[in-house]
Protein backbone atom coordinates (compact mmCIF):
# COMPACT_ATOMS: atom_id res chain seq x y z
CA MET A 1 0.00 0.00 0.00
CA VAL A 2 1.30 3.43 -0.84
CA ARG A 3 1.38 5.64 2.17
CA VAL A 4 1.65 9.37 1.80
CA SER A 5 2.31 11.88 4.57
CA ILE A 6 2.24 15.54 3.56
CA LEU A 7 2.70 17.67 6.65
CA LEU A 8 1.44 20.80 4.93
CA LEU A 9 -2.21 21.83 4.70
CA LEU A 10 -3.70 18.41 4.06
CA THR A 11 -4.68 17.63 7.64
CA GLY A 12 -6.12 21.08 8.13
CA ILE A 13 -8.39 20.70 5.14
CA ALA A 14 -9.51 17.22 6.09
CA HIS A 15 -10.27 18.23 9.67
CA PRO A 16 -11.27 21.92 10.10
CA VAL A 17 -10.92 21.72 13.89
CA PHE A 18 -7.23 20.89 13.46
CA ALA A 19 -6.87 23.87 11.19
CA GLN A 20 -7.05 26.15 14.22
CA ASP A 21 -3.38 25.62 14.96
CA PHE A 22 -2.01 24.83 11.53
CA GLU A 23 1.71 25.53 11.33
CA LEU A 24 4.09 25.09 8.40
CA ASP A 25 6.66 23.42 10.58
CA GLU A 26 7.92 20.81 8.11
CA THR A 27 8.31 20.87 4.37
CA GLU A 28 9.26 17.29 3.74
CA LEU A 29 7.01 15.20 1.55
CA VAL A 30 7.48 11.64 2.72
CA PHE A 31 6.38 8.62 0.80
CA GLU A 32 6.87 4.94 1.53
CA ILE A 33 6.01 1.69 -0.12
CA ASP A 34 4.82 -0.49 2.71
CA GLY A 35 3.67 -4.04 2.15
CA GLY A 36 2.73 -4.73 5.76
CA ASP A 37 -0.69 -4.83 7.31
CA GLU A 38 -1.77 -3.33 10.59
CA PHE A 39 -1.03 -6.70 12.13
CA SER A 40 1.76 -9.05 11.21
CA GLU A 41 1.59 -12.60 12.56
CA ILE A 42 4.42 -13.48 14.90
CA ASP A 43 6.43 -16.61 14.26
CA GLU A 44 7.42 -18.40 17.43
CA PHE A 45 10.76 -20.15 17.09
CA GLY A 46 10.41 -22.26 20.17
CA GLU A 47 13.27 -20.81 22.20
CA GLU A 48 13.61 -22.56 25.52
CA ILE A 49 12.68 -20.65 28.62
CA GLU A 50 14.27 -22.07 31.75
CA PHE A 51 13.48 -21.35 35.36
CA ASP A 52 16.36 -22.11 37.73
CA ASP A 53 15.50 -20.97 41.20
CA ALA A 54 15.80 -17.17 40.97
CA SER A 55 17.20 -17.10 37.43
CA PHE A 56 15.30 -16.50 34.20
CA GLU A 57 16.90 -16.97 30.80
CA VAL A 58 15.56 -16.56 27.29
CA GLU A 59 17.26 -16.73 23.91
CA THR A 60 16.31 -13.90 21.55
CA THR A 61 16.71 -13.09 17.89
CA THR A 62 17.16 -9.36 17.20
CA SER A 63 17.51 -7.04 14.20
CA LEU A 64 19.12 -3.95 15.71
CA ALA A 65 19.35 -1.06 13.23
CA LEU A 66 20.92 2.40 13.44
CA THR A 67 20.18 5.26 11.05
CA ALA A 68 21.45 8.83 10.94
CA LEU A 69 19.53 11.58 9.15
CA TYR A 70 20.31 15.20 8.37
CA ARG A 71 17.57 17.47 7.07
CA TYR A 72 17.64 21.10 5.95
CA SER A 73 14.48 23.03 5.14
CA ARG A 74 13.60 26.60 4.24
CA GLU A 75 10.06 27.96 4.41
CA ASN A 76 8.73 31.30 3.18
CA THR A 77 5.44 32.69 4.48
CA LEU A 78 4.56 36.35 3.81
CA GLN A 79 7.54 38.29 5.19
CA THR A 80 8.88 35.39 7.30
CA THR A 81 11.64 33.01 6.28
CA THR A 82 12.43 30.00 8.48
CA ASP A 83 15.62 27.95 8.18
CA ILE A 84 15.75 24.63 10.03
CA SER A 85 18.66 22.21 10.29
CA ARG A 86 18.00 18.94 12.05
CA PHE A 87 20.16 15.92 12.85
CA GLU A 88 18.68 12.63 14.08
CA LEU A 89 20.08 9.34 15.33
CA ASN A 90 17.47 6.57 15.29
CA LEU A 91 18.00 3.21 16.97
CA GLU A 92 15.40 0.48 16.54
CA ASP A 93 15.07 -3.23 17.08
CA THR A 94 12.62 -6.07 16.67
CA ALA A 95 13.29 -9.04 18.93
CA ASP A 96 11.53 -12.40 19.12
CA TRP A 97 11.35 -13.43 22.79
CA GLY A 98 9.80 -16.83 22.17
CA GLY A 99 6.86 -17.49 24.46
CA LEU A 100 6.96 -13.95 25.83
CA GLY A 101 6.19 -12.48 22.43
CA ASN A 102 7.76 -10.02 20.02
CA ILE A 103 9.23 -6.70 21.20
CA GLU A 104 9.62 -3.77 18.82
CA TRP A 105 11.04 -0.38 19.79
CA LYS A 106 12.50 2.80 18.32
CA ALA A 107 14.35 5.61 20.10
CA GLN A 108 15.55 8.91 18.67
CA LEU A 109 18.20 11.44 19.66
CA ALA A 110 17.77 14.74 17.79
CA ALA A 111 19.41 18.15 17.65
CA GLU A 112 17.81 21.06 15.79
CA ASP A 113 18.65 24.63 14.86
CA ASN A 114 15.61 26.79 14.09
CA ASN A 115 16.65 30.26 12.88
CA GLY A 116 19.57 30.27 15.30
CA THR A 117 17.72 28.72 18.26
CA SER A 118 19.18 25.30 19.15
CA THR A 119 17.27 22.51 20.89
CA SER A 120 17.84 18.82 21.54
CA GLU A 121 15.60 15.96 22.61
CA THR A 122 15.51 12.24 23.26
CA ILE A 123 12.27 10.48 22.31
CA LEU A 124 10.95 6.95 22.67
CA LYS A 125 9.08 6.79 19.37
CA LYS A 126 7.73 3.25 19.70
CA PHE A 127 7.74 0.39 22.19
CA THR A 128 5.40 -2.59 21.84
CA LEU A 129 5.08 -6.15 23.12
CA GLN A 130 3.01 -8.34 20.80
CA ASN A 131 1.86 -11.92 21.26
CA SER A 132 -0.91 -14.30 20.27
CA TYR A 133 -2.88 -17.16 21.76
CA LYS A 134 -5.07 -19.34 19.55
CA ASP A 135 -7.36 -16.92 17.65
CA VAL A 136 -6.40 -13.81 19.63
CA SER A 137 -3.49 -11.46 19.01
CA TRP A 138 -2.72 -8.55 21.32
CA LYS A 139 -0.28 -5.67 21.47
CA LEU A 140 0.65 -3.50 24.43
CA GLY A 141 2.82 -0.39 24.38
CA LYS A 142 3.41 2.91 22.59
CA MET A 143 1.82 2.65 19.15
CA ARG A 144 -0.44 4.20 16.55
CA ILE A 145 -3.75 2.72 15.42
CA GLY A 146 -5.05 3.61 11.95
CA TRP A 147 -8.64 3.30 10.72
CA GLY A 148 -10.26 3.89 7.36
CA GLU A 149 -9.36 3.25 3.71
CA LEU A 150 -8.34 6.69 2.42
CA GLU A 151 -4.68 7.55 2.94
CA GLY A 152 -3.83 10.97 4.35
CA ILE A 153 -7.49 11.93 4.93
CA SER A 154 -8.98 11.52 8.40
CA ILE A 155 -12.57 10.54 7.66
CA LEU A 156 -12.49 7.82 10.33
CA ASP A 157 -9.50 9.35 12.10
CA ILE A 158 -6.11 8.09 13.08
CA VAL A 159 -6.24 7.55 16.82
CA ASN A 160 -4.75 10.71 18.24
CA PRO A 161 -0.94 10.66 18.29
CA ALA A 162 0.87 12.23 21.24
CA ALA A 163 2.41 15.62 20.52
CA SER A 164 6.09 15.75 19.63
CA SER A 165 8.40 17.22 22.23
CA SER A 166 8.62 21.00 22.22
CA GLY A 167 11.07 22.45 19.75
CA SER A 168 10.81 19.53 17.35
CA SER A 169 9.86 19.97 13.73
CA SER A 170 9.65 16.23 13.21
CA GLY A 171 6.27 14.55 13.07
CA GLU A 172 7.04 10.96 12.13
CA SER A 173 4.14 8.65 11.47
CA ASP A 174 5.23 6.07 14.04
CA ALA A 175 4.98 8.43 17.03
CA GLY A 176 2.14 7.05 19.14
CA GLN A 177 0.54 6.69 22.54
CA TRP A 178 0.48 4.03 25.23
CA ALA A 179 -2.36 1.69 24.37
CA LEU A 180 -3.66 -1.88 24.43
CA SER A 181 -5.02 -3.35 21.20
CA ALA A 182 -6.28 -6.83 20.33
CA ASP A 183 -7.57 -8.76 17.31
CA TYR A 184 -9.90 -11.77 17.46
CA PHE A 185 -9.90 -13.87 14.27
CA ILE A 186 -13.26 -15.50 13.52
CA GLY A 187 -12.61 -17.43 10.34
CA GLU A 188 -12.14 -14.75 7.69
CA ASP A 189 -13.67 -12.07 9.93
CA ILE A 190 -11.68 -9.96 12.40
CA LEU A 191 -12.95 -8.21 15.54
CA SER A 192 -10.48 -5.58 16.78
CA GLY A 193 -10.44 -3.29 19.79
CA PHE A 194 -8.20 -0.75 21.51
CA SER A 195 -8.02 1.29 24.70
CA ILE A 196 -5.94 4.34 25.65
CA VAL A 197 -6.32 5.11 29.35
CA GLN A 198 -4.38 8.40 29.43
CA PRO A 199 -4.63 9.95 25.95
CA ALA A 200 -2.82 13.12 24.88
CA ILE A 201 -3.84 15.94 22.55
CA SER A 202 -1.75 16.51 19.44
CA SER A 203 -1.82 20.28 19.53
CA GLU A 204 -3.21 23.39 21.15
CA ILE A 205 -2.71 27.08 20.42
CA ILE A 206 -3.84 28.39 23.80
CA PRO A 207 -3.84 26.64 27.22
CA LEU A 208 -6.35 23.87 27.85
CA VAL A 209 -8.88 24.24 30.62
CA SER A 210 -7.77 20.82 31.88
CA ASP A 211 -5.08 18.34 30.88
CA LYS A 212 -7.02 15.40 32.34
CA PHE A 213 -8.84 13.60 29.53
CA GLN A 214 -11.33 10.78 29.40
CA PRO A 215 -10.01 7.54 27.84
CA GLU A 216 -10.19 6.67 24.15
CA PHE A 217 -11.50 3.25 23.12
CA GLY A 218 -13.07 1.60 20.10
CA LEU A 219 -14.16 -1.53 18.25
CA LYS A 220 -13.80 -2.51 14.60
CA TYR A 221 -15.42 -5.44 12.79
CA GLN A 222 -13.95 -6.43 9.43
CA ARG A 223 -15.09 -9.07 6.95
CA PRO A 224 -14.56 -9.96 3.27
CA SER A 225 -17.25 -8.83 0.85
CA GLY A 226 -17.06 -10.05 -2.72
CA GLN A 227 -13.82 -8.76 -4.24
CA GLY A 228 -13.30 -6.36 -1.36
CA GLN A 229 -13.80 -5.93 2.34
CA ILE A 230 -16.17 -4.02 4.62
CA SER A 231 -15.46 -2.68 8.10
CA LEU A 232 -17.71 -1.25 10.83
CA TYR A 233 -16.45 1.07 13.59
CA ALA A 234 -17.60 2.41 16.98
CA ALA A 235 -15.41 4.51 19.25
CA GLN A 236 -15.02 7.28 21.79
CA LEU A 237 -12.24 9.59 20.58
CA LEU A 238 -10.67 12.92 21.45
CA PRO A 239 -10.40 15.69 18.86
CA GLN A 240 -7.06 15.74 17.05
CA SER A 241 -6.49 19.29 18.32
CA ALA A 242 -8.05 21.35 21.08
CA VAL A 243 -11.11 23.50 20.24
CA VAL A 244 -10.75 27.20 21.03
CA ASN A 245 -13.45 28.89 23.11
CA LEU A 246 -13.43 32.38 21.56
CA ASP A 247 -15.45 33.91 24.39
CA ALA A 248 -13.33 32.60 27.28
CA GLY A 249 -9.94 32.63 25.53
CA THR A 250 -9.26 28.99 26.49
CA SER A 251 -9.39 25.68 24.68
CA SER A 252 -11.11 22.37 25.34
CA ALA A 253 -10.72 18.73 24.32
CA GLN A 254 -13.82 16.73 25.19
CA PRO A 255 -14.48 13.24 23.74
CA TYR A 256 -16.94 12.62 20.95
CA ASN A 257 -18.55 9.43 19.64
CA LEU A 258 -17.84 7.87 16.27
CA LEU A 259 -19.87 5.40 14.21
CA GLY A 260 -18.28 4.51 10.90
CA LEU A 261 -18.18 2.30 7.83
CA SER A 262 -15.44 1.70 5.29
CA TYR A 263 -15.40 -0.41 2.15
CA ASN A 264 -12.89 -1.26 -0.57
CA TYR A 265 -13.54 -3.07 -3.82
CA ALA A 266 -11.05 -4.26 -6.46
CA ARG A 267 -12.15 -4.32 -10.09
CA SER A 268 -10.15 -4.24 -13.36
CA GLY A 269 -6.95 -3.31 -11.59
CA VAL A 270 -8.52 -0.42 -9.64
CA LEU A 271 -8.99 -0.46 -5.85
CA TRP A 272 -12.03 1.67 -5.02
CA GLU A 273 -12.28 3.04 -1.48
CA PHE A 274 -15.10 4.48 0.61
CA ASP A 275 -15.16 5.95 4.15
CA LEU A 276 -18.19 7.20 6.07
CA GLY A 277 -18.17 8.55 9.62
CA TYR A 278 -20.93 9.92 11.87
CA LYS A 279 -19.42 11.97 14.70
CA SER A 280 -21.67 13.10 17.53
CA GLY A 281 -20.89 15.52 20.35
CA GLN A 282 -18.08 17.47 18.67
CA GLU A 283 -17.41 20.89 20.19
CA ARG A 284 -17.65 24.13 18.16
CA SER A 285 -17.32 27.77 19.15
CA ASP A 286 -19.70 30.65 18.48
CA LEU A 287 -19.12 34.13 19.88
CA THR A 288 -20.48 33.22 23.33
CA GLY A 289 -18.95 29.82 24.05
CA LEU A 290 -18.75 26.14 23.07
CA SER A 291 -21.60 23.84 22.13
CA ARG A 292 -21.80 20.24 20.94
CA HIS A 293 -22.81 19.24 17.42
CA ASP A 294 -23.04 16.25 15.08
CA ARG A 295 -21.18 15.92 11.78
CA LEU A 296 -21.18 13.52 8.81
CA ASP A 297 -17.85 12.90 7.05
CA LEU A 298 -17.70 11.18 3.66
CA GLY A 299 -14.76 10.24 1.44
CA VAL A 300 -14.37 8.32 -1.84
CA GLY A 301 -11.24 7.50 -3.78
CA PHE A 302 -9.27 4.96 -5.76
CA GLU A 303 -5.78 3.49 -6.13
CA TYR A 304 -4.60 2.48 -9.60
CA ALA A 305 -1.30 1.01 -10.78
CA LEU A 306 -0.95 2.42 -14.29
CA ASN A 307 1.96 0.04 -14.84
CA SER A 308 4.65 -1.66 -12.76
CA THR A 309 6.34 1.69 -11.99
CA THR A 310 3.51 4.22 -11.79
CA GLN A 311 0.90 4.52 -9.02
CA ILE A 312 -2.05 6.96 -8.93
CA ASN A 313 -4.19 7.72 -5.86
CA MET A 314 -7.11 10.12 -5.89
CA ALA A 315 -9.72 11.07 -3.30
CA ALA A 316 -12.47 13.61 -2.68
CA TYR A 317 -14.10 14.21 0.68
CA GLY A 318 -16.66 16.36 2.45
CA GLN A 319 -17.74 17.31 5.97
CA PHE A 320 -21.34 18.22 6.69
CA TRP A 321 -22.47 19.73 10.02
CA LEU A 322 -26.01 18.63 10.83
CA ASN A 323 -28.86 20.86 12.05
CA GLN A 324 -26.76 24.04 12.07
CA THR A 325 -28.84 27.02 13.23
CA GLU A 326 -26.22 29.76 13.76
CA LYS A 327 -22.65 30.65 12.74
CA TYR A 328 -19.50 29.19 14.28
CA TYR A 329 -15.93 30.45 14.06
CA PHE A 330 -12.24 29.67 14.18
CA PRO A 331 -9.73 32.02 15.84
CA GLY A 332 -9.13 35.09 13.72
CA GLY A 333 -12.82 35.51 12.91
CA PHE A 334 -12.94 32.91 10.12
CA GLU A 335 -16.27 31.15 9.80
CA ASP A 336 -16.51 27.41 10.37
CA LYS A 337 -18.68 26.62 7.39
CA GLU A 338 -21.56 24.17 7.43
CA THR A 339 -20.01 22.22 4.54
CA ASN A 340 -16.31 21.73 3.78
CA ALA A 341 -14.95 19.68 0.89
CA GLY A 342 -11.54 18.92 -0.58
CA TYR A 343 -9.52 16.72 -2.90
CA GLN A 344 -6.16 14.98 -3.14
CA LEU A 345 -4.28 13.55 -6.15
CA TYR A 346 -1.05 11.61 -5.63
CA ILE A 347 1.18 10.29 -8.43
CA SER A 348 4.33 8.21 -7.83
CA LYS A 349 6.74 6.79 -10.41
CA ASP A 350 9.83 4.60 -10.07
CA LEU A 351 12.71 5.22 -12.48
CA SER A 352 15.97 3.41 -13.37
CA ASN A 353 15.13 0.07 -11.73
CA GLU A 354 13.62 1.78 -8.66
CA ILE A 355 16.84 3.71 -7.94
CA TRP A 356 14.91 6.96 -8.45
CA ASN A 357 11.38 7.64 -7.24
CA ALA A 358 9.43 10.81 -8.02
CA ALA A 359 6.11 11.80 -6.46
CA ALA A 360 3.72 14.71 -6.92
CA VAL A 361 0.74 15.67 -4.77
CA PHE A 362 -2.03 18.14 -5.62
CA SER A 363 -4.54 18.95 -2.88
CA GLY A 364 -6.92 21.70 -1.85
CA ALA A 365 -10.50 22.78 -1.25
CA LEU A 366 -13.19 22.06 -3.80
CA ASP A 367 -14.39 25.69 -3.61
CA ALA A 368 -10.92 26.77 -4.86
CA SER A 369 -10.21 28.74 -1.65
CA LEU A 370 -7.00 26.76 -1.18
CA ALA A 371 -4.60 24.84 -3.42
CA ASN A 372 -1.34 23.12 -2.62
CA GLN A 373 1.24 21.43 -4.84
CA ALA A 374 4.17 19.34 -3.61
CA ILE A 375 6.85 17.31 -5.36
CA SER A 376 9.47 14.92 -4.04
CA VAL A 377 12.41 13.05 -5.56
CA GLU A 378 14.20 10.18 -3.78
CA TYR A 379 17.49 8.49 -4.76
CA THR A 380 18.48 5.10 -3.31
CA GLY A 381 21.26 4.09 -5.70
CA LEU A 382 24.02 4.27 -3.08
CA ASP A 383 24.62 1.48 -0.56
CA GLU A 384 22.87 2.20 2.75
CA LEU A 385 22.35 5.86 1.72
CA LYS A 386 19.10 7.59 0.77
CA LEU A 387 18.75 11.14 -0.59
CA LEU A 388 15.47 13.04 -0.62
CA ALA A 389 14.52 16.49 -1.95
CA SER A 390 11.07 18.08 -1.88
CA ALA A 391 9.29 21.37 -2.48
CA TYR A 392 5.79 22.83 -2.09
CA TRP A 393 3.72 25.86 -3.15
CA ILE A 394 0.45 27.18 -1.69
CA GLN A 395 -2.27 29.48 -2.99
CA ALA A 396 -5.14 30.71 -0.79
CA ASN A 397 -7.98 33.22 -1.13
CA SER A 398 -7.77 36.35 1.02
CA ASP A 399 -11.05 35.55 2.80
CA SER A 400 -10.19 31.89 3.60
CA LEU A 401 -8.96 30.35 6.81
CA PHE A 402 -5.50 29.93 5.28
CA SER A 403 -5.21 33.42 3.77
CA ALA A 404 -1.94 34.03 5.67
CA TYR A 405 -0.33 31.22 3.67
CA ASP A 406 -1.10 32.55 0.21
CA GLY A 407 2.16 32.41 -1.70
CA ALA A 408 3.89 30.28 0.92
CA ASN A 409 6.53 27.90 -0.36
CA GLY A 410 9.33 25.73 0.94
CA ILE A 411 12.10 23.32 0.08
CA SER A 412 13.68 20.44 1.98
CA PHE A 413 16.75 18.26 1.52
CA SER A 414 17.67 15.22 3.59
CA VAL A 415 20.37 12.56 3.70
CA GLU A 416 19.79 9.26 5.54
CA ARG A 417 22.51 6.74 6.31
CA SER A 418 21.84 3.22 7.57
CA PHE A 419 24.38 1.24 9.57
C-alpha cells in the first residue's frame, strides 16, 4: 500500500478543527512503499525458557538497526523566512522473545537549529510487546492505530498521536501513545479493539482548561465482501487538536462518539475506497462559548497502478455539520462553514530500476479557496544511503482560513545513512 504523509495543509483541510493551529513546521514530503498490514503474525521459534530458582533466561533473535539523518528546510510565508537544520540518530530493534512475544522499539536522539535557536531531545518513538494465543493477538505499548481506507485523509480518524516534544519539527508517522489493542480472528472475519487510558492531545494554540482527559477506546469489525472488504467502527475519541473557546480565551478537548463504515472493492486493476463517519458531540465555538454538534464525514477515492512503476491515488471528501442554526468560528474571525470539501491527487513513479522515485501531490479545497502542490524526488542508488529532496507551493484566497499562507513555499533536503 502506498502511504503518503504531507505535513502541509492536508490535515487542516480534512479536519477543520485541526486547522485552528495549523503551522508550516515541516516541508518534507514523505512517501513509503509499505507491504505490511496493521497486524503481522508473529512466528514463534520455540526458544527454551528455563526457570532455575531465581534465574530466568531466554534466547532472543534481534535485528538492531541504526540510522542517521540530516535534514535542511527553508520555508517562506509572507515576510517570514524560516531555516531549520535537524540531525537525528534513530535506533530500533525487533526481537523475538519466544513465548513472551515479540518486542519492537524505536528511540531517537535529535538536535535542531531553528533560525539560530538550538534545541535537543531524546524520544521513545515506539515500544510494543506483541503476542498471540489461539485466535487472539494482542499488542501493548506505545503505538499508533489507523482506521479507514483513504490515505492521508482523516474521515475515520487516526487515533490521536501524542504531541512531539517542544522544539521539534519532526512529526514521524510512528509516534504514538500508550495503548492496548487486540484482534480476534473468527474465520475470515476480524474483531479488533483498543483502549488508551491516558490519551494526549496533538496540539493546542492556547492553554487547555484541563489536561485530564477521558479515555479513548473503540471496536472494529472487518469481513470480506465479494472482491473487497467491509469494516464497521464504533469509538469514543478525542479531537485531534483542542477546540478554542473564543469567548473565554481557552481551549477544550472533550471526547466525541464515532460510528463509521469503510469499504474497498477491487475491479479491473482499480482499488475503489469508501469511508463514512458519523461523529456526535463534537465541540464548536460561536461568539459566546462552546456547544456540541453532530457531523457527517464522507470520502471516496481509488488506487490504480498504471503500470509496474507508476501509481495513482485520488480522493475527494466532504464534511457536513447537521442541524446548524447559527454561525460558528475559528480564531481570527474565520467562519466554520456548514459544509467543507476537498480533494487529493497523488502520483508516484519509479525510475531506473527503482533507484529513483518521483512523487507529486495536488490537494486543496473544492471551492478553490486553497490549493497546494508538492513534489518529491528520492534516490536510493548508493549502498545504505538515501537522498530526498522536496518542495511545495500554496495558494489561498484572502477571505479563507489559510489566507496568511497565500504564496507560501518551501524546500527540503535530507540525507539518511543506515548502519
